[in-house]
Amino acid sequence: MPRTTPQTPFFHSLQQGKVKPGVLAGVIALLAVAGGGAWWYQQKQAAAIDPSASAAAKPGAQASGGRSGRSGRMGPGGPGGMSQAQPVSVGVVEQRDMRVLISAIGTMSARATAVVRAKVSGELLKLHFKEGDEVKAGQLLAEIDPRSFAASLAQMQGSLVRDQAQLKNAQLDLQRYRELLKQDSIASQQVDTQEALVRQLLGTVAADQGQVDAAKLQLSYTKVTAPISGRLGLRQADLGNVVNPSDANGLVTITQVRPIDAAFSIPEAHIGTLAEQLRAGQAMPVELWDREQKKMLAKGKLNALDNTIDTTTGTVKAKAAFDNADGHLFANQFVNVKLQVRQIDQALVVPANAVQNNYVYLVKPDNTVTQRKITVGVADGDYVSVRGDLQPGDKVVTDGIDRLREGAQVNVVDSDKVKKVDQAVQDAASQPRGAMRNLTPEQREKIAKMTPEERKEFFQKLRAERGGKGGSTGAAPAQQDKAGGVDQPKGPQEPGKSAAEARPAAEPAASGRGEQGEGRGDRPQLTPEQRAKLEALSPEERRAFFQKLRAERAARAEGASGADSSSGNNGAGR
């Protein structure tokens, strides 16, 4: 049996020549409309993803750029995008001295630590210090009740006076006995006995003197003084407490932090170089940085290395000294340490964020870029030393590298302006929704001069005032929402649905990313050119810019939904 292909009645009639010319023309027109609608829907989808591609999607642009599109060349901007300038930020190649640094994590340690304890037991009567103060060695800190120690001293002094009198009498008797012995009036045994009594009383007087000195020392201990100079900690005893020498916490703790030391560990591979420089008396600078490595805390120098290497980590402990004249460093404080081993004079350096996979993009005078292979050396701060085909004064790309290819056209944007615009956009996005829209020009000018904290406090106060005003006047819910900066949907609302449920589905896309400069919704994705342009606009012009941007996005969203509905209707018709 011959194989047959099933056909629709229309195509069967077309083969038989039974279709009228008018019907055939209508079918061709319908297919053309369907193809144009599909093309229009694809372009709208591309424009929704990349607004910059909407201009290339117009018929005129399609005709002018068709050649590059047919060739299939892929540039930085997509098909045929080699002619589109990419916004980038650049840095300058320089020659400067570069330090060879060893980075480590360290802990501050006090030069000396002393726990001030009472040396005698008694009631704490007075405190002569304030917590956190700087004290000198020997400075009076506290006083203990001295009455019992003063009484003991008086008792010891009385015994000493009594025994001294007995000694004096015995010495006089001995002198008389010796004269009588010369006259042969008494026996020599009596003289010897008297001499022994004098020596005995001399020992008694010496013991009494020792007891007096001990009583005086105990009495002096009732005045508690600082054993070392340093910074006081928190008080551990209060007035009226009975303190004892056995108290573990004592009265207060003193730490000597001027100067102060930093202890850290360095790899054993650098021990030979560091030990040689220490023996030669060469100073090795050390810098201390905070936890985020954004602020330098102090500068000092390396003092000593430990005498053993930790076999578990392969490191050796080192200690550096710092003056700490301002008192900003504390014992046990966490720090990031940078130890300078040596210095490379007049090295060729580039910004660190310009290097990507041992390549940099060099910006040529015609605003095109070319790749240059480099060899990366040491890093010091935001710069890194390199070796390669670069000259001082050359410009290299630091931001926007991921969008570049060899020979791409670029548009250099000032990085400082981009940072300012980003900060302004972030500040605006953190403000209450619709707050900027309801402000007067005077209030907007005032807000522009505020710090982020003052601006936040201003909007919180404004929101509280508006909320209180809406509650006191009994305004309608829609008016209260408008005062609070929340736009309610217009038109009828279905019964049983809240205002949030009745909001159209397309409205969040239009309003949520609308007046970004006015603090509404999420931050829109702006190009560097748009950010630079936005910074130069006045508040009114910026507001109009975001309103236009919101309208364009709403139109694209409506067009996309219309295309979906038209394609669904065509499918239903077919």
Protein backbone atom coordinates (compact mmCIF):
# COMPACT_ATOMS: atom_id res chain seq x y z
CA MET A 1 0.00 0.00 0.00
CA PRO A 2 1.37 3.43 -0.87
CA ARG A 3 2.20 5.61 2.12
CA THR A 4 0.01 8.70 2.43
CA THR A 5 0.46 11.82 4.50
CA PRO A 6 -2.57 13.12 6.38
CA GLN A 7 -3.55 16.62 5.28
CA THR A 8 -5.92 19.25 6.54
CA PRO A 9 -8.89 20.19 4.32
CA PHE A 10 -7.32 23.56 3.60
CA PHE A 11 -4.03 22.15 2.29
CA HIS A 12 -5.92 19.43 0.40
CA SER A 13 -8.03 22.09 -1.32
CA LEU A 14 -4.88 24.08 -2.01
CA GLN A 15 -3.33 21.12 -3.85
CA GLN A 16 -6.54 20.59 -5.82
CA GLY A 17 -6.59 24.29 -6.81
CA LYS A 18 -9.97 24.88 -5.19
CA VAL A 19 -8.94 27.75 -2.91
CA LYS A 20 -10.05 31.19 -3.98
CA PRO A 21 -7.39 33.93 -4.41
CA GLY A 22 -9.03 36.15 -1.76
CA VAL A 23 -8.91 33.43 0.88
CA LEU A 24 -5.28 32.68 0.05
CA ALA A 25 -4.34 36.38 0.44
CA GLY A 26 -6.07 36.52 3.84
CA VAL A 27 -4.14 33.48 5.07
CA ILE A 28 -0.83 35.03 4.00
CA ALA A 29 -1.69 38.30 5.77
CA LEU A 30 -2.59 36.39 8.96
CA LEU A 31 0.76 34.57 8.94
CA ALA A 32 2.60 37.89 8.46
CA VAL A 33 0.81 39.44 11.43
CA ALA A 34 1.60 36.41 13.62
CA GLY A 35 5.30 36.55 12.66
CA GLY A 36 5.46 40.29 13.37
CA GLY A 37 3.81 39.81 16.75
CA ALA A 38 6.32 37.11 17.68
CA TRP A 39 9.20 39.41 16.68
CA TRP A 40 7.69 42.28 18.67
CA TYR A 41 7.27 40.06 21.78
CA GLN A 42 10.90 38.88 21.62
CA GLN A 43 12.15 42.46 21.39
CA LYS A 44 10.00 43.52 24.36
CA GLN A 45 11.40 40.64 26.42
CA ALA A 46 14.95 41.67 25.52
CA ALA A 47 14.19 45.30 26.40
CA ALA A 48 12.80 44.26 29.80
CA ILE A 49 16.08 42.47 30.55
CA ASP A 50 18.42 45.14 29.13
CA PRO A 51 16.93 48.65 28.65
CA SER A 52 19.98 49.68 26.63
CA ALA A 53 19.06 47.11 23.99
CA SER A 54 15.62 48.69 23.37
CA ALA A 55 17.09 51.25 20.96
CA ALA A 56 18.76 48.49 18.94
CA ALA A 57 15.45 46.62 18.79
CA LYS A 58 13.65 49.32 16.73
CA PRO A 59 13.14 48.65 13.02
CA GLY A 60 15.47 51.49 12.02
CA ALA A 61 18.17 50.28 14.29
CA GLN A 62 17.58 46.73 13.07
CA ALA A 63 18.13 47.83 9.52
CA SER A 64 21.28 49.79 10.29
CA GLY A 65 22.80 47.13 12.51
CA GLY A 66 21.63 44.13 10.55
CA ARG A 67 25.01 43.43 9.05
CA SER A 68 26.75 42.98 12.37
CA GLY A 69 23.81 40.97 13.64
CA ARG A 70 23.97 38.56 10.68
CA SER A 71 27.69 38.10 11.11
CA GLY A 72 27.09 36.75 14.63
CA ARG A 73 29.97 38.68 16.19
CA MET A 74 29.61 38.85 19.95
CA GLY A 75 31.05 41.96 21.57
CA PRO A 76 30.83 43.33 25.06
CA GLY A 77 27.35 44.61 24.46
CA GLY A 78 25.92 41.46 22.85
CA PRO A 79 25.40 40.84 19.12
CA GLY A 80 27.00 43.64 17.20
CA GLY A 81 27.96 45.28 20.52
CA MET A 82 31.60 46.06 19.61
CA SER A 83 30.60 49.60 18.71
CA GLN A 84 28.93 50.24 22.10
CA ALA A 85 31.20 51.98 24.64
CA GLN A 86 31.36 50.19 27.98
CA PRO A 87 31.45 52.39 31.12
CA VAL A 88 34.56 51.68 33.21
CA SER A 89 36.65 53.23 35.96
CA VAL A 90 40.40 53.47 35.56
CA GLY A 91 43.53 53.76 37.69
CA VAL A 92 46.99 55.07 36.87
CA VAL A 93 50.20 53.04 36.69
CA GLU A 94 52.74 54.58 39.08
CA GLN A 95 56.25 54.14 40.41
CA ARG A 96 56.56 54.13 44.19
CA ASP A 97 58.38 52.45 47.05
CA MET A 98 56.73 49.16 48.00
CA ARG A 99 57.07 47.52 51.38
CA VAL A 100 57.46 43.77 51.76
CA LEU A 101 55.05 43.01 54.59
CA ILE A 102 54.28 40.00 56.74
CA SER A 103 50.64 39.97 57.88
CA ALA A 104 49.68 38.27 61.12
CA ILE A 105 47.00 38.25 63.80
CA GLY A 106 48.12 39.54 67.18
CA THR A 107 46.96 40.25 70.71
CA MET A 108 47.95 43.20 72.84
CA SER A 109 49.64 42.32 76.13
CA ALA A 110 50.37 44.66 79.02
CA ARG A 111 53.99 45.30 79.87
CA ALA A 112 53.13 44.48 83.52
CA THR A 113 49.99 43.51 85.45
CA ALA A 114 49.45 43.78 89.22
CA VAL A 115 46.49 42.86 91.40
CA VAL A 116 46.28 45.33 94.26
CA ARG A 117 45.47 43.35 97.42
CA ALA A 118 45.24 44.38 101.06
CA LYS A 119 48.29 43.28 103.06
CA VAL A 120 46.43 43.40 106.37
CA SER A 121 42.89 42.54 107.35
CA GLY A 122 40.47 45.29 108.22
CA GLU A 123 37.52 47.40 107.24
CA LEU A 124 37.85 49.47 104.06
CA LEU A 125 37.39 53.10 105.07
CA LYS A 126 38.34 55.25 102.06
CA LEU A 127 38.94 54.88 98.32
CA HIS A 128 41.15 57.44 96.60
CA PHE A 129 40.85 56.33 92.97
CA LYS A 130 38.39 56.28 90.10
CA GLU A 131 37.95 53.27 87.87
CA GLY A 132 39.90 53.53 84.62
CA ASP A 133 42.26 56.26 85.88
CA GLU A 134 45.96 56.39 85.15
CA VAL A 135 48.00 56.10 88.38
CA LYS A 136 51.66 56.41 89.30
CA ALA A 137 53.66 53.96 91.36
CA GLY A 138 53.27 54.72 95.09
CA GLN A 139 50.02 56.67 94.66
CA LEU A 140 47.52 56.24 97.54
CA LEU A 141 44.55 54.13 96.46
CA ALA A 142 42.67 53.12 99.63
CA GLU A 143 42.75 53.21 103.43
CA ILE A 144 41.96 50.44 105.92
CA ASP A 145 40.87 51.03 109.53
CA PRO A 146 44.24 51.62 111.35
CA ARG A 147 43.12 51.72 115.01
CA SER A 148 43.99 48.17 116.00
CA PHE A 149 47.43 48.46 114.37
CA ALA A 150 48.09 51.77 116.09
CA ALA A 151 47.27 50.16 119.46
CA SER A 152 49.66 47.29 118.80
CA LEU A 153 52.38 49.75 117.91
CA ALA A 154 51.87 51.62 121.17
CA GLN A 155 52.12 48.38 123.14
CA MET A 156 55.37 47.41 121.43
CA GLN A 157 56.84 50.84 122.03
CA GLY A 158 56.00 50.57 125.79
CA SER A 159 57.81 47.25 126.12
CA LEU A 160 60.80 48.72 124.33
CA VAL A 161 61.00 51.66 126.73
CA ARG A 162 60.75 49.34 129.76
CA ASP A 163 63.50 47.03 128.57
CA GLN A 164 65.71 49.94 127.59
CA ALA A 165 65.47 51.24 131.20
CA GLN A 166 66.41 47.85 132.64
CA LEU A 167 69.35 47.68 130.28
CA LYS A 168 70.54 51.11 131.35
CA ASN A 169 70.42 50.11 135.03
CA ALA A 170 72.30 46.87 134.36
CA GLN A 171 75.00 48.73 132.47
CA LEU A 172 75.50 51.14 135.41
CA ASP A 173 75.78 48.23 137.90
CA LEU A 174 78.32 46.56 135.64
CA GLN A 175 80.42 49.70 135.61
CA ARG A 176 80.40 49.89 139.44
CA TYR A 177 81.24 46.17 139.80
CA ARG A 178 84.24 46.58 137.52
CA GLU A 179 85.61 49.44 139.71
CA LEU A 180 85.12 47.38 142.87
CA LEU A 181 86.87 44.44 141.24
CA LYS A 182 89.89 46.64 140.59
CA GLN A 183 89.96 47.43 144.33
CA ASP A 184 89.65 43.70 145.04
CA SER A 185 86.44 44.41 146.97
CA ILE A 186 84.15 41.87 145.20
CA ALA A 187 84.56 38.54 143.56
CA SER A 188 85.08 38.35 139.81
CA GLN A 189 82.11 35.95 139.52
CA GLN A 190 79.73 38.78 140.40
CA VAL A 191 81.17 40.91 137.59
CA ASP A 192 80.73 38.07 135.10
CA THR A 193 77.11 37.60 136.16
CA GLN A 194 76.40 41.29 135.67
CA GLU A 195 77.95 41.26 132.21
CA ALA A 196 75.68 38.35 131.22
CA LEU A 197 72.64 40.27 132.48
CA VAL A 198 73.58 43.28 130.35
CA ARG A 199 73.92 41.13 127.25
CA GLN A 200 70.55 39.54 127.98
CA LEU A 201 68.87 42.92 128.29
CA LEU A 202 70.56 44.05 125.05
CA GLY A 203 68.84 41.12 123.28
CA THR A 204 65.52 41.98 124.86
CA VAL A 205 65.75 45.59 123.71
CA ALA A 206 66.67 44.49 120.17
CA ALA A 207 63.65 42.17 120.07
CA ASP A 208 61.43 44.96 121.30
CA GLN A 209 62.78 47.24 118.59
CA GLY A 210 61.96 44.63 115.97
CA GLN A 211 58.43 44.31 117.25
CA VAL A 212 58.02 48.08 117.10
CA ASP A 213 59.26 48.15 113.52
CA ALA A 214 56.88 45.33 112.60
CA ALA A 215 53.97 47.17 114.20
CA LYS A 216 54.89 50.30 112.25
CA LEU A 217 54.99 48.28 109.01
CA GLN A 218 51.59 46.75 109.71
CA LEU A 219 50.23 50.22 110.38
CA SER A 220 51.65 51.48 107.08
CA TYR A 221 49.86 48.67 105.25
CA THR A 222 46.57 50.25 106.17
CA LYS A 223 47.31 52.78 103.41
CA VAL A 224 47.09 50.83 100.12
CA THR A 225 49.32 52.27 97.38
CA ALA A 226 49.85 51.43 93.69
CA PRO A 227 52.75 49.00 93.19
CA ILE A 228 53.28 50.01 89.52
CA SER A 229 52.23 52.76 87.17
CA GLY A 230 49.40 51.97 84.77
CA ARG A 231 45.69 51.98 84.11
CA LEU A 232 43.22 50.92 86.80
CA GLY A 233 40.50 48.39 86.14
CA LEU A 234 37.12 48.02 87.78
CA ARG A 235 36.81 48.18 91.57
CA GLN A 236 36.40 44.80 93.26
CA ALA A 237 35.59 45.98 96.82
CA ASP A 238 33.36 48.69 98.25
CA LEU A 239 33.52 50.90 101.30
CA GLY A 240 32.66 49.04 104.50
CA ASN A 241 33.87 45.66 103.26
CA VAL A 242 36.34 43.74 105.38
CA VAL A 243 39.29 42.98 103.13
CA ASN A 244 41.90 40.28 103.61
CA PRO A 245 45.26 39.46 102.02
CA SER A 246 43.76 36.16 100.83
CA ASP A 247 41.11 37.81 98.62
CA ALA A 248 41.58 36.44 95.09
CA ASN A 249 40.24 39.50 93.26
CA GLY A 250 41.90 42.05 95.52
CA LEU A 251 40.81 45.68 95.45
CA VAL A 252 41.61 46.57 91.82
CA THR A 253 43.90 45.54 88.96
CA ILE A 254 46.59 47.75 87.39
CA THR A 255 47.89 47.12 83.86
CA GLN A 256 50.91 48.95 82.50
CA VAL A 257 49.94 49.98 78.95
CA ARG A 258 52.43 52.79 78.33
CA PRO A 259 54.34 51.27 76.63
CA ILE A 260 52.43 48.19 75.56
CA ASP A 261 53.42 45.07 73.63
CA ALA A 262 51.81 43.09 70.81
CA ALA A 263 52.36 39.34 70.61
CA PHE A 264 51.92 37.56 67.27
CA SER A 265 53.22 34.58 65.31
CA ILE A 266 55.15 34.65 62.02
CA PRO A 267 56.11 31.78 59.66
CA GLU A 268 59.43 30.12 60.35
CA ALA A 269 60.57 30.87 56.78
CA HIS A 270 61.23 34.48 57.84
CA ILE A 271 63.13 33.69 61.05
CA GLY A 272 66.60 33.89 59.50
CA THR A 273 66.04 37.31 57.96
CA LEU A 274 64.40 38.74 61.08
CA ALA A 275 67.04 37.35 63.48
CA GLU A 276 69.85 38.77 61.33
CA GLN A 277 68.27 42.22 61.27
CA LEU A 278 67.68 42.13 65.04
CA ARG A 279 71.33 41.23 65.67
CA ALA A 280 72.41 44.09 63.41
CA GLY A 281 70.23 46.49 65.39
CA GLN A 282 68.13 47.37 62.34
CA ALA A 283 64.67 48.69 63.19
CA MET A 284 61.77 46.76 61.65
CA PRO A 285 58.56 48.84 61.64
CA VAL A 286 55.32 47.22 62.76
CA GLU A 287 51.82 48.56 62.11
CA LEU A 288 48.65 47.69 63.99
CA TRP A 289 45.27 47.77 62.18
CA ASP A 290 41.74 47.30 63.42
CA ARG A 291 39.58 44.23 62.82
CA GLU A 292 38.32 45.45 59.40
CA GLN A 293 41.85 46.63 58.42
CA LYS A 294 40.48 50.06 57.58
CA LYS A 295 42.07 52.14 60.35
CA MET A 296 45.68 52.05 61.51
CA LEU A 297 45.87 51.99 65.30
CA ALA A 298 49.57 52.47 66.06
CA LYS A 299 53.13 52.19 64.78
CA GLY A 300 55.96 50.49 66.63
CA LYS A 301 58.96 48.26 66.08
CA LEU A 302 59.88 44.61 66.53
CA ASN A 303 61.50 43.87 69.89
CA ALA A 304 62.26 40.18 70.13
CA LEU A 305 61.67 36.66 68.80
CA ASP A 306 60.95 33.59 70.88
CA ASN A 307 63.70 31.01 71.34
CA THR A 308 61.66 28.04 70.05
CA ILE A 309 59.48 27.24 67.05
CA ASP A 310 56.00 25.83 67.53
CA THR A 311 56.17 22.50 65.69
CA THR A 312 52.38 22.18 65.38
CA THR A 313 52.01 25.43 63.40
CA GLY A 314 55.51 26.05 62.05
CA THR A 315 55.57 29.56 63.48
CA VAL A 316 57.60 31.48 66.01
CA LYS A 317 56.24 34.03 68.46
CA ALA A 318 57.35 37.64 68.15
CA LYS A 319 56.80 40.73 70.26
CA ALA A 320 56.64 44.36 69.18
CA ALA A 321 56.57 47.46 71.40
CA PHE A 322 54.32 50.52 71.02
CA ASP A 323 54.36 53.82 72.93
CA ASN A 324 50.55 54.02 73.21
CA ALA A 325 50.80 57.67 74.19
CA ASP A 326 47.12 58.29 73.45
CA GLY A 327 46.02 55.23 75.47
CA HIS A 328 43.89 53.76 72.66
CA LEU A 329 45.39 50.28 72.97
CA PHE A 330 44.12 47.89 75.66
CA ALA A 331 45.46 44.65 77.03
CA ASN A 332 44.11 41.52 75.25
CA GLN A 333 42.86 43.64 72.33
CA PHE A 334 42.65 41.89 68.94
CA VAL A 335 44.75 43.54 66.21
CA ASN A 336 45.98 42.88 62.68
CA VAL A 337 49.76 43.14 62.50
CA LYS A 338 51.83 44.16 59.48
CA LEU A 339 55.58 43.67 59.89
CA GLN A 340 57.84 45.31 57.30
CA VAL A 341 60.72 43.03 56.35
CA ARG A 342 62.27 45.16 53.59
CA GLN A 343 61.43 47.78 50.97
CA ILE A 344 61.51 47.76 47.16
CA ASP A 345 62.49 51.17 45.81
CA GLN A 346 60.55 52.72 42.90
CA ALA A 347 58.62 49.63 41.87
CA LEU A 348 56.03 49.71 39.06
CA VAL A 349 52.61 49.45 40.72
CA VAL A 350 48.95 49.29 39.66
CA PRO A 351 45.72 49.33 41.71
CA ALA A 352 45.07 45.88 43.15
CA ASN A 353 41.53 45.65 41.70
CA ALA A 354 42.91 46.17 38.18
CA VAL A 355 44.61 42.75 38.15
CA GLN A 356 42.60 39.77 36.93
CA ASN A 357 44.25 36.41 36.27
CA ASN A 358 47.69 38.04 35.78
CA TYR A 359 46.24 40.41 33.16
CA VAL A 360 45.27 44.07 33.09
CA TYR A 361 43.22 46.01 30.55
CA LEU A 362 45.21 48.99 29.27
CA VAL A 363 43.15 51.97 28.04
CA LYS A 364 44.64 53.34 24.81
CA PRO A 365 44.33 56.99 23.66
CA ASP A 366 41.44 56.08 21.31
CA ASN A 367 39.40 54.83 24.31
CA THR A 368 39.82 51.17 23.39
CA VAL A 369 41.32 48.53 25.64
CA THR A 370 43.94 45.89 25.14
CA GLN A 371 45.08 43.08 27.41
CA ARG A 372 48.58 43.14 28.88
CA LYS A 373 50.08 40.14 30.64
CA ILE A 374 51.88 40.97 33.89
CA THR A 375 53.75 39.27 36.71
CA VAL A 376 52.37 40.14 40.11
CA GLY A 377 54.75 40.96 42.96
CA VAL A 378 54.12 42.17 46.51
CA ALA A 379 50.97 43.94 47.68
CA ASP A 380 50.97 47.02 49.87
CA GLY A 381 47.57 48.50 50.71
CA ASP A 382 45.50 49.14 47.58
CA TYR A 383 48.46 48.72 45.21
CA VAL A 384 50.42 45.73 43.94
CA SER A 385 53.82 45.70 42.25
CA VAL A 386 53.92 44.23 38.74
CA ARG A 387 56.34 43.48 35.93
CA GLY A 388 55.18 43.72 32.33
CA ASP A 389 54.68 45.91 29.29
CA LEU A 390 53.42 48.94 31.20
CA GLN A 391 54.73 52.46 31.63
CA PRO A 392 54.17 54.99 34.44
CA GLY A 393 51.15 57.12 33.60
CA ASP A 394 49.29 54.38 31.70
CA LYS A 395 45.63 53.95 32.55
CA VAL A 396 44.29 50.51 33.45
CA VAL A 397 40.69 49.46 34.04
CA THR A 398 39.76 48.98 37.70
CA ASP A 399 35.97 48.59 37.52
CA GLY A 400 33.92 46.94 34.75
CA ILE A 401 36.55 44.38 33.73
CA ASP A 402 34.04 41.53 33.39
CA ARG A 403 32.28 43.30 30.47
CA LEU A 404 35.43 43.89 28.39
CA ARG A 405 37.06 42.07 25.49
CA GLU A 406 40.15 42.80 23.43
CA GLY A 407 39.66 46.04 21.47
CA ALA A 408 36.41 47.00 23.20
CA GLN A 409 35.37 50.65 23.21
CA VAL A 410 35.13 52.14 26.71
CA ASN A 411 33.78 55.27 28.33
CA VAL A 412 35.80 56.34 31.39
CA VAL A 413 33.60 57.25 34.38
CA ASP A 414 34.85 58.99 37.50
CA SER A 415 34.83 56.37 40.26
CA ASP A 416 34.33 59.01 42.98
CA LYS A 417 31.09 60.19 41.40
CA VAL A 418 29.86 56.60 41.11
CA LYS A 419 30.52 56.05 44.83
CA LYS A 420 28.65 59.25 45.71
CA VAL A 421 25.66 58.28 43.60
CA ASP A 422 25.63 54.76 45.07
CA GLN A 423 25.65 56.24 48.56
CA ALA A 424 22.84 58.64 47.67
CA VAL A 425 20.80 55.80 46.17
CA GLN A 426 21.38 53.66 49.26
CA ASP A 427 20.36 56.49 51.57
CA ALA A 428 17.23 57.13 49.52
CA ALA A 429 16.31 53.44 49.48
CA SER A 430 16.50 53.30 53.29
CA GLN A 431 13.98 56.12 53.68
CA PRO A 432 10.26 55.46 54.27
CA ARG A 433 8.20 54.82 51.15
CA GLY A 434 6.84 57.99 49.62
CA ALA A 435 8.44 60.21 52.27
CA MET A 436 10.46 62.37 49.87
CA ARG A 437 7.46 62.89 47.64
CA ASN A 438 5.51 64.65 50.42
CA LEU A 439 8.31 66.99 51.49
CA THR A 440 8.59 70.67 50.68
CA PRO A 441 11.61 71.99 48.72
CA GLU A 442 12.95 73.56 51.93
CA GLN A 443 12.81 70.19 53.71
CA ARG A 444 14.55 68.45 50.82
CA GLU A 445 17.34 71.01 50.82
CA LYS A 446 17.72 70.54 54.56
CA ILE A 447 17.85 66.75 54.19
CA ALA A 448 20.57 67.00 51.54
CA LYS A 449 22.90 68.56 54.15
CA MET A 450 22.25 65.93 56.83
CA THR A 451 24.35 62.93 57.73
CA PRO A 452 22.80 59.45 57.25
CA GLU A 453 22.06 59.21 60.99
CA GLU A 454 20.43 62.64 61.11
CA ARG A 455 18.41 61.84 57.98
CA LYS A 456 17.17 58.58 59.48
CA GLU A 457 16.17 60.32 62.72
CA PHE A 458 14.37 63.05 60.72
CA PHE A 459 12.22 60.55 58.80
CA GLN A 460 11.41 58.59 61.97
CA LYS A 461 10.21 61.78 63.65
CA LEU A 462 8.27 62.82 60.54
CA ARG A 463 6.59 59.44 60.30
CA ALA A 464 5.64 59.55 63.99
CA GLU A 465 4.15 63.04 63.58
CA ARG A 466 2.13 62.02 60.52
CA GLY A 467 0.91 58.88 62.23
CA GLY A 468 -0.23 60.88 65.28
CA LYS A 469 -1.93 63.49 63.11
CA GLY A 470 -3.81 60.82 61.16
CA GLY A 471 -4.99 59.14 64.36
CA SER A 472 -6.13 62.37 66.03
CA THR A 473 -8.06 63.84 63.12
CA GLY A 474 -9.84 60.63 62.30
CA ALA A 475 -8.91 60.78 58.62
CA ALA A 476 -10.05 58.15 56.25
CA PRO A 477 -7.84 55.07 55.87
CA ALA A 478 -6.90 56.06 52.35
CA GLN A 479 -5.82 59.51 53.52
CA GLN A 480 -3.81 58.05 56.38
CA ASP A 481 -2.07 55.68 54.02
CA LYS A 482 -1.31 58.56 51.70
CA ALA A 483 0.16 60.57 54.57
CA GLY A 484 2.27 57.60 55.55
CA GLY A 485 3.65 57.33 52.04
CA VAL A 486 1.74 54.21 50.89
CA ASP A 487 -0.25 54.51 47.68
CA GLN A 488 -3.57 52.70 47.80
CA PRO A 489 -5.08 51.28 44.61
CA LYS A 490 -7.67 53.43 42.90
CA GLY A 491 -11.00 52.19 41.67
CA PRO A 492 -13.50 49.73 43.12
CA GLN A 493 -12.35 47.03 45.46
CA GLU A 494 -13.78 43.57 45.51
CA PRO A 495 -15.69 42.64 48.63
CA GLY A 496 -13.80 40.47 51.09
CA LYS A 497 -10.38 41.57 49.85
CA SER A 498 -7.96 43.86 51.57
CA ALA A 499 -6.27 46.78 49.87
CA ALA A 500 -3.04 44.80 49.55
CA GLU A 501 -4.90 41.86 47.92
CA ALA A 502 -6.81 44.16 45.59
CA ARG A 503 -3.61 45.82 44.29
CA PRO A 504 -3.04 44.92 40.62
CA ALA A 505 -0.28 42.44 39.93
CA ALA A 506 1.60 44.86 37.67
CA GLU A 507 1.68 47.67 40.27
CA PRO A 508 4.58 46.34 42.40
CA ALA A 509 6.75 46.16 39.32
CA ALA A 510 5.87 49.74 38.45
CA SER A 511 5.94 51.37 41.88
CA GLY A 512 8.34 49.09 43.76
CA ARG A 513 11.20 50.14 41.49
CA GLY A 514 9.99 53.60 40.62
CA GLU A 515 11.21 56.68 42.43
CA GLN A 516 14.42 55.16 43.64
CA GLY A 517 15.94 58.55 44.21
CA GLU A 518 12.84 59.46 46.25
CA GLY A 519 13.13 56.46 48.57
CA ARG A 520 10.42 54.22 47.01
CA GLY A 521 10.86 50.49 46.65
CA ASP A 522 13.95 48.60 45.61
CA ARG A 523 17.01 50.14 44.02
CA PRO A 524 16.82 50.12 40.21
CA GLN A 525 19.72 48.84 38.16
CA LEU A 526 21.30 52.04 36.84
CA THR A 527 24.22 52.26 34.45
CA PRO A 528 27.27 54.35 35.45
CA GLU A 529 26.19 57.01 32.91
CA GLN A 530 22.75 57.22 34.51
CA ARG A 531 24.31 57.50 37.97
CA ALA A 532 26.65 60.31 36.86
CA LYS A 533 23.71 62.07 35.20
CA LEU A 534 21.56 61.56 38.31
CA GLU A 535 24.15 63.24 40.57
CA ALA A 536 24.03 66.44 38.48
CA LEU A 537 20.21 66.70 38.61
CA SER A 538 18.24 68.81 41.03
CA PRO A 539 15.69 67.15 43.34
CA GLU A 540 12.81 68.05 41.00
CA GLU A 541 14.68 66.80 37.91
CA ARG A 542 15.65 63.63 39.74
CA ARG A 543 12.01 63.05 40.66
CA ALA A 544 10.93 63.50 37.03
CA PHE A 545 13.69 61.12 35.93
CA PHE A 546 12.44 58.33 38.19
CA GLN A 547 8.81 58.96 37.23
CA LYS A 548 9.77 58.56 33.57
CA LEU A 549 11.74 55.41 34.35
CA ARG A 550 8.77 53.99 36.24
CA ALA A 551 6.43 54.78 33.34
CA GLU A 552 8.75 53.06 30.85
CA ARG A 553 8.94 49.94 32.99
CA ALA A 554 5.18 49.91 33.46
CA ALA A 555 4.74 50.18 29.67
CA ARG A 556 7.13 47.28 29.11
CA ALA A 557 5.32 45.18 31.68
CA GLU A 558 1.95 46.00 30.07
CA GLY A 559 3.34 45.20 26.62
CA ALA A 560 4.64 41.87 27.82
CA SER A 561 1.27 40.96 29.33
CA GLY A 562 -0.46 42.08 26.11
CA ALA A 563 1.82 39.91 24.04
CA ASP A 564 1.05 36.94 26.26
CA SER A 565 -2.70 37.52 25.86
CA SER A 566 -2.44 37.99 22.07
CA SER A 567 -0.40 34.83 21.67
CA GLY A 568 -3.00 33.01 23.80
CA ASN A 569 -5.82 34.35 21.61
CA ASN A 570 -4.01 33.35 18.44
CA GLY A 571 -3.51 29.88 19.81
CA ALA A 572 -7.18 29.71 20.71
CA GLY A 573 -8.15 30.90 17.23
CA ARG A 574 -5.99 28.34 15.58
